[in-house]
Protein backbone atom coordinates (compact mmCIF):
# COMPACT_ATOMS: atom_id res chain seq x y z
CA MET A 1 0.02 0.00 0.01
CA GLY A 2 2.87 2.32 0.76
CA GLU A 3 4.53 1.63 -2.59
CA GLN A 4 1.25 2.45 -4.43
CA HIS A 5 0.52 5.45 -2.15
CA VAL A 6 -2.86 3.92 -1.00
CA PRO A 7 -4.28 5.83 1.93
CA PRO A 8 -4.36 3.69 5.16
CA THR A 9 -8.18 3.71 5.62
CA PRO A 10 -10.04 0.72 7.08
CA GLN A 11 -11.71 -0.04 3.71
CA ASN A 12 -8.42 0.09 1.84
CA PHE A 13 -6.74 -2.17 4.47
CA HIS A 14 -9.55 -4.62 3.94
CA VAL A 15 -9.08 -4.62 0.16
CA TRP A 16 -5.30 -5.05 0.34
CA PHE A 17 -5.44 -7.68 3.08
CA LYS A 18 -7.62 -9.76 0.72
CA TYR A 19 -5.19 -9.03 -2.08
CA ALA A 20 -2.34 -10.27 0.10
CA LEU A 21 -4.31 -13.46 0.77
CA GLY A 22 -4.94 -13.91 -2.95
CA ALA A 23 -8.72 -14.20 -2.66
CA PRO A 24 -10.94 -13.43 -4.46
CA ASP A 25 -8.79 -14.21 -7.49
CA GLU A 26 -10.45 -11.44 -9.56
CA LEU A 27 -9.31 -8.82 -7.06
CA LYS A 28 -5.74 -9.98 -7.19
CA ARG A 29 -5.79 -10.03 -10.99
CA THR A 30 -7.29 -6.55 -11.20
CA ILE A 31 -4.81 -4.94 -8.80
CA ASN A 32 -1.86 -6.69 -10.52
CA ILE A 33 -3.10 -5.29 -13.87
CA LEU A 34 -3.50 -1.79 -12.46
CA ILE A 35 0.03 -1.94 -10.94
CA ALA A 36 1.54 -3.25 -14.14
CA GLN A 37 -0.04 -0.42 -16.12
CA LYS A 38 1.11 2.10 -13.49
CA ARG A 39 -2.44 3.20 -12.74
CA LYS A 40 -2.94 5.62 -9.83
CA PHE A 41 -4.87 4.26 -6.87
CA ASP A 42 -6.92 7.44 -6.27
CA SER A 43 -9.98 7.65 -4.16
CA ALA A 44 -12.38 6.60 -6.95
CA THR A 45 -10.30 3.51 -7.82
CA ASN A 46 -10.00 2.56 -4.19
CA ARG A 47 -13.77 2.93 -3.64
CA ASP A 48 -14.55 0.86 -6.75
CA LEU A 49 -12.20 -1.87 -5.58
CA TYR A 50 -13.88 -2.08 -2.20
CA THR A 51 -17.40 -1.89 -3.55
CA THR A 52 -16.79 -4.46 -6.31
CA TYR A 53 -14.73 -7.05 -4.55
CA VAL A 54 -15.29 -6.69 -0.79
CA GLY A 55 -18.38 -4.72 0.18
CA SER A 56 -20.88 -6.98 -1.59
CA ARG A 57 -19.62 -10.28 -0.15
CA GLY A 58 -21.11 -10.24 3.32
CA ALA A 59 -24.18 -12.27 2.33
CA ASP A 60 -21.98 -14.79 0.57
CA GLU A 61 -19.86 -15.16 3.66
CA ALA A 62 -22.98 -15.68 5.82
CA VAL A 63 -24.12 -18.52 3.55
CA ALA A 64 -20.69 -20.03 3.51
CA HIS A 65 -20.61 -19.95 7.29
CA LYS A 66 -23.92 -21.79 7.55
CA VAL A 67 -22.77 -24.48 5.10
CA SER A 68 -19.48 -24.73 6.92
CA GLN A 69 -21.29 -25.45 10.23
CA GLN A 70 -23.43 -28.17 8.48
CA LEU A 71 -20.39 -29.80 7.05
CA HIS A 72 -18.62 -29.60 10.41
CA ASP A 73 -21.51 -31.53 12.02
CA VAL A 74 -21.39 -34.18 9.36
CA LEU A 75 -17.62 -34.58 9.59
CA SER A 76 -17.81 -34.80 13.33
CA SER A 77 -20.31 -37.65 13.05
CA ALA A 78 -18.04 -39.33 10.47
CA GLN A 79 -15.13 -39.05 12.89
CA GLN A 80 -17.14 -40.65 15.62
CA PHE A 81 -18.13 -43.47 13.34
CA LEU A 82 -14.45 -44.00 12.44
CA ASN A 83 -13.36 -44.06 16.05
CA SER A 84 -16.16 -46.56 16.77
CA ALA A 85 -14.99 -48.75 13.82
CA ILE A 86 -11.38 -48.63 15.07
CA ALA A 87 -12.52 -49.65 18.61
CA ASP A 88 -14.74 -52.41 17.23
CA ASN A 89 -11.87 -53.70 15.19
CA ARG A 90 -9.52 -53.81 18.12
CA THR A 91 -12.20 -55.72 20.10
CA GLN A 92 -12.60 -58.20 17.26
CA MET A 93 -8.88 -58.71 16.90
CA ALA A 94 -8.52 -59.33 20.67
CA ALA A 95 -11.30 -61.90 20.59
CA ILE A 96 -9.81 -63.73 17.63
CA SER A 97 -6.35 -63.65 19.30
CA GLU A 98 -7.85 -65.14 22.41
CA VAL A 99 -9.40 -67.95 20.41
CA ALA A 100 -6.08 -68.58 18.68
CA ASP A 101 -4.35 -68.80 22.11
CA ARG A 102 -6.93 -71.27 23.39
CA SER A 103 -6.69 -73.45 20.26
CA GLY A 104 -3.34 -74.74 21.53
CA THR A 105 -4.93 -76.04 24.74
CA ASP A 106 -7.30 -78.92 25.43
CA THR A 107 -10.35 -76.61 24.90
CA ASP A 108 -13.22 -78.35 23.01
CA PRO A 109 -12.96 -77.19 19.32
CA ARG A 110 -16.65 -76.82 19.26
CA VAL A 111 -16.43 -74.17 21.97
CA LEU A 112 -13.76 -72.30 20.04
CA ILE A 113 -15.69 -72.38 16.80
CA GLU A 114 -18.80 -71.20 18.61
CA THR A 115 -16.85 -68.34 20.26
CA LEU A 116 -15.29 -67.35 16.94
CA MET A 117 -18.66 -67.40 15.14
CA ASN A 118 -20.30 -65.32 17.83
CA GLU A 119 -17.56 -62.74 17.65
CA LEU A 120 -17.70 -62.63 13.81
CA SER A 121 -21.48 -62.19 14.03
CA ARG A 122 -21.15 -59.29 16.47
CA ALA A 123 -18.53 -57.74 14.10
CA ALA A 124 -20.85 -58.11 11.14
CA THR A 125 -23.67 -56.46 13.11
CA ARG A 126 -21.41 -53.54 14.12
CA ALA A 127 -20.26 -53.15 10.50
CA THR A 128 -23.83 -53.12 9.27
CA ARG A 129 -24.81 -50.48 11.77
CA LEU A 130 -21.86 -48.32 10.80
CA GLU A 131 -22.57 -48.75 7.13
CA THR A 132 -26.18 -47.63 7.73
CA GLN A 133 -24.95 -44.53 9.60
CA PHE A 134 -22.47 -43.73 6.88
CA VAL A 135 -25.15 -44.00 4.18
CA GLU A 136 -27.38 -41.65 6.25
CA LYS A 137 -24.58 -39.07 6.54
CA SER A 138 -23.85 -39.43 2.80
CA ARG A 139 -27.55 -38.56 2.14
CA GLU A 140 -27.14 -35.49 4.41
CA LEU A 141 -24.08 -34.44 2.40
CA ASP A 142 -26.04 -34.83 -0.83
CA MET A 143 -28.88 -32.73 0.62
CA ILE A 144 -26.43 -30.03 1.71
CA ARG A 145 -24.82 -30.03 -1.85
CA GLU A 146 -28.23 -29.90 -3.57
CA SER A 147 -29.53 -27.22 -1.22
CA LEU A 148 -26.47 -25.12 -1.75
CA SER A 149 -26.70 -25.51 -5.53
CA GLN A 150 -30.37 -24.56 -5.56
CA SER A 151 -29.80 -21.62 -3.21
CA GLU A 152 -26.87 -20.36 -5.51
CA GLU A 153 -29.10 -20.69 -8.56
CA ARG A 154 -32.02 -18.89 -6.93
CA ALA A 155 -29.75 -16.15 -5.62
CA LYS A 156 -28.51 -15.39 -9.13
CA THR A 157 -31.78 -15.61 -11.10
CA ASP A 158 -34.53 -13.05 -11.54
CA THR A 159 -37.77 -14.95 -10.84
CA LEU A 160 -39.91 -12.94 -13.29
CA THR A 161 -37.84 -13.06 -16.42
CA GLY A 162 -35.59 -16.05 -15.73
CA LEU A 163 -32.58 -13.91 -16.56
CA PRO A 164 -29.52 -13.66 -14.35
CA ASN A 165 -30.02 -10.89 -11.73
CA ARG A 166 -27.84 -8.04 -10.46
CA ARG A 167 -25.67 -10.27 -8.36
CA ALA A 168 -24.87 -12.61 -11.24
CA LEU A 169 -24.25 -9.52 -13.41
CA GLU A 170 -21.66 -8.18 -10.96
CA GLU A 171 -19.78 -11.53 -10.71
CA PHE A 172 -19.74 -11.93 -14.51
CA PHE A 173 -18.58 -8.36 -15.07
CA ARG A 174 -15.71 -8.69 -12.55
CA ALA A 175 -14.33 -11.74 -14.42
CA ALA A 176 -14.94 -10.09 -17.88
CA GLN A 177 -13.32 -6.84 -16.66
CA ALA A 178 -10.17 -8.62 -15.52
CA GLU A 179 -9.91 -10.65 -18.73
CA ALA A 180 -10.37 -7.62 -20.92
CA MET A 181 -7.59 -5.81 -19.19
CA GLU A 182 -5.24 -8.87 -19.21
CA ARG A 183 -5.79 -9.60 -22.90
CA GLY A 184 -6.32 -6.09 -24.15
CA GLN A 185 -9.73 -7.12 -25.62
CA PRO A 186 -12.85 -4.94 -25.87
CA LEU A 187 -15.74 -5.24 -23.53
CA SER A 188 -19.11 -3.57 -24.13
CA VAL A 189 -22.50 -3.16 -22.47
CA LEU A 190 -25.95 -2.45 -23.71
CA LEU A 191 -28.70 -1.06 -21.41
CA ILE A 192 -32.35 -1.51 -22.39
CA ASP A 193 -35.37 0.40 -21.12
CA ILE A 194 -38.99 -0.35 -22.24
CA ASP A 195 -40.59 2.85 -23.61
CA HIS A 196 -43.67 4.12 -21.78
CA PHE A 197 -43.72 1.03 -19.59
CA LYS A 198 -45.34 2.76 -16.65
CA LYS A 199 -48.22 4.00 -18.87
CA PHE A 200 -48.56 0.50 -20.30
CA ASN A 201 -48.74 -0.97 -16.80
CA ASP A 202 -51.29 1.49 -15.64
CA THR A 203 -53.48 0.94 -18.67
CA PHE A 204 -53.44 -2.80 -19.02
CA GLY A 205 -52.37 -4.02 -15.57
CA HIS A 206 -49.30 -5.49 -14.05
CA GLY A 207 -49.96 -8.96 -15.34
CA VAL A 208 -49.67 -7.64 -18.89
CA GLY A 209 -46.65 -5.59 -17.84
CA ASP A 210 -44.96 -8.79 -16.63
CA GLN A 211 -45.77 -10.54 -19.96
CA VAL A 212 -44.08 -7.59 -21.79
CA LEU A 213 -40.96 -7.88 -19.57
CA ARG A 214 -40.70 -11.61 -20.26
CA LEU A 215 -41.09 -10.89 -23.99
CA VAL A 216 -38.26 -8.31 -23.91
CA ALA A 217 -36.11 -10.67 -21.84
CA SER A 218 -36.64 -13.46 -24.37
CA ALA A 219 -35.68 -11.19 -27.28
CA LEU A 220 -32.51 -10.16 -25.41
CA ARG A 221 -31.57 -13.68 -24.53
CA GLU A 222 -32.06 -15.02 -28.08
CA ARG A 223 -29.99 -12.31 -29.70
CA VAL A 224 -26.81 -12.38 -27.66
CA ARG A 225 -24.07 -14.99 -27.82
CA ASP A 226 -23.54 -17.88 -25.41
CA SER A 227 -20.44 -16.07 -24.15
CA ASP A 228 -22.49 -12.95 -23.34
CA LEU A 229 -24.55 -12.31 -20.16
CA PRO A 230 -28.08 -10.94 -20.51
CA ALA A 231 -29.54 -9.89 -17.12
CA ARG A 232 -32.30 -7.87 -15.45
CA TYR A 233 -30.80 -4.68 -14.12
CA GLY A 234 -33.83 -3.48 -12.25
CA GLY A 235 -37.50 -2.47 -12.88
CA GLU A 236 -38.07 -2.36 -16.65
CA GLU A 237 -34.34 -2.12 -17.43
CA LEU A 238 -32.40 -5.06 -18.88
CA ILE A 239 -28.71 -5.24 -19.63
CA ALA A 240 -26.21 -7.31 -21.47
CA VAL A 241 -22.43 -7.60 -21.10
CA LEU A 242 -20.62 -8.61 -24.26
CA PRO A 243 -17.02 -9.70 -23.68
CA GLY A 244 -14.82 -9.31 -26.79
CA ALA A 245 -17.28 -6.99 -28.48
CA ASP A 246 -16.28 -3.41 -29.38
CA LEU A 247 -18.72 -0.50 -29.54
CA ALA A 248 -19.72 -1.19 -33.11
CA ALA A 249 -20.41 -4.92 -32.58
CA CYS A 250 -22.41 -4.20 -29.41
CA THR A 251 -24.38 -1.48 -31.23
CA ALA A 252 -25.32 -3.94 -34.04
CA THR A 253 -26.54 -6.43 -31.42
CA ALA A 254 -28.61 -3.70 -29.79
CA GLU A 255 -30.16 -2.78 -33.14
CA ARG A 256 -31.21 -6.40 -33.78
CA ILE A 257 -32.87 -6.54 -30.40
CA ARG A 258 -34.65 -3.13 -30.97
CA GLY A 259 -35.81 -4.10 -34.47
CA ALA A 260 -37.14 -7.50 -33.42
CA LEU A 261 -39.18 -6.02 -30.61
CA ALA A 262 -40.52 -3.22 -32.75
CA GLU A 263 -42.01 -5.87 -35.08
CA CYS A 264 -43.61 -7.87 -32.25
CA LYS A 265 -47.38 -8.15 -31.90
CA ILE A 266 -48.60 -8.66 -28.34
CA THR A 267 -51.89 -10.33 -27.60
CA ARG A 268 -53.66 -10.22 -24.29
CA ARG A 269 -54.05 -13.80 -23.21
CA SER A 270 -57.38 -13.41 -21.37
CA THR A 271 -59.24 -11.57 -24.19
CA GLY A 272 -57.19 -12.07 -27.38
CA GLU A 273 -56.94 -8.30 -27.70
CA VAL A 274 -53.99 -7.08 -29.71
CA LEU A 275 -52.13 -4.55 -27.65
CA PRO A 276 -50.15 -1.46 -28.77
CA GLY A 277 -46.62 -2.23 -29.92
CA ILE A 278 -43.71 -2.24 -27.49
CA THR A 279 -40.55 -0.40 -28.25
CA VAL A 280 -37.31 -0.04 -26.38
CA SER A 281 -34.53 2.54 -26.13
CA ILE A 282 -30.98 1.28 -25.74
CA GLY A 283 -27.73 2.92 -24.58
CA VAL A 284 -24.43 1.33 -25.54
CA GLY A 285 -20.92 1.83 -24.04
CA GLN A 286 -17.48 0.26 -24.19
CA PHE A 287 -15.33 -0.50 -21.22
CA GLN A 288 -12.40 1.87 -20.52
CA LEU A 289 -9.25 0.56 -18.86
CA GLY A 290 -9.59 0.35 -15.11
CA GLU A 291 -13.10 1.80 -14.73
CA SER A 292 -15.77 0.27 -12.57
CA MET A 293 -18.96 -1.36 -13.74
CA GLU A 294 -20.95 1.55 -12.25
CA ASP A 295 -19.01 4.09 -14.37
CA LEU A 296 -19.58 2.15 -17.59
CA ILE A 297 -23.27 1.60 -16.88
CA ASP A 298 -23.59 5.33 -15.97
CA ARG A 299 -22.39 6.14 -19.52
CA CYS A 300 -24.80 3.67 -21.00
CA ASP A 301 -27.61 5.15 -18.96
CA ARG A 302 -26.84 8.68 -20.18
CA ALA A 303 -26.86 7.38 -23.73
CA LEU A 304 -30.17 5.64 -22.99
CA TYR A 305 -31.57 9.01 -21.63
CA LEU A 306 -30.45 10.65 -24.89
CA ALA A 307 -32.29 8.00 -26.85
CA LYS A 308 -35.48 8.76 -24.90
CA LYS A 309 -34.99 12.44 -25.42
CA CYS A 310 -34.58 11.94 -29.13
CA GLY A 311 -37.90 10.13 -29.58
CA ARG A 312 -37.41 6.61 -28.16
CA ASN A 313 -37.27 3.31 -30.09
CA ARG A 314 -33.64 3.84 -30.94
CA VAL A 315 -30.06 2.90 -30.05
CA VAL A 316 -27.62 5.63 -28.91
CA THR A 317 -23.96 5.05 -28.15
CA GLU A 318 -21.55 6.85 -25.78
CA ASN A 319 -20.01 8.49 -28.81
CA GLU A 320 -23.12 10.56 -29.26
CA LEU A 321 -22.84 12.13 -25.87
CA GLU A 322 -21.23 15.52 -25.40
CA PRO A 323 -17.54 15.01 -24.93
CA GLU A 324 -17.42 16.39 -21.40
CA ARG A 325 -20.48 14.37 -20.38
CA ALA A 326 -19.21 11.25 -22.00
CA ALA A 327 -16.04 11.53 -19.89
CA GLY A 328 -18.24 11.85 -16.70
């Protein structure tokens, strides 16, 4: 921190402590890239690093702690089973050893065989009991794994549209941001807003409004690549992150989405009534070295606002903003 002239604030200490630990990996990669490119760790950069890689992870750590406790309980039980198995094995070996010692005496062989069979029977019973307990704990582990997987999926999915949500967006962007800086590749974002959505909702009801949102989400999902991330940003705003796409490529994608939606005919399911057409306005921006997701989306948002101002149902890029406003 001293070498990079990072102010010794609690938040900065938190960021650089995690950097020293090497986790999360995206944080370490991002800081290494910024250092290699001799970027200045000013207040904005330090704030973005904390917000992006540290501040939003409290909920994740709480979930991880809960799962850790569950795993601890299962492993404790497994350790008890193992100790019991070791103790039973010692008992069995002692009993067999005793039978072996008595075999050299005048003891009736039938007695020795009966003793040995009884001990083997008890050992088999103990083994069966332990196996049953292990199977039960294995089921518990499977349940924990399934529960964790489902919880993770729900936590990253918007229930209405089925698109990834804001949390999934942030995770995807962090990885895409680091890769773009490492490889010197472009990274672009398009931000979509449904035109006159509130009026549409008020006129036809929220059920129809939800149908419209799902339609726009479907159009977005179908017109981006598998390597891109379409997501619901909030309200009637949808977003897509396009790794490897420059401003021109992202703009072309945005135009395909806008055009497809402009041609859609929406029918009210309950009555068969054909509703007014739905249009969208889209703002497009390209990632600039070292900037945060919030700064990039802010530029897209201002381009989106300009699209609304210019009549809606259009795509506007950051290049069309006034130079001083485009620079923030």
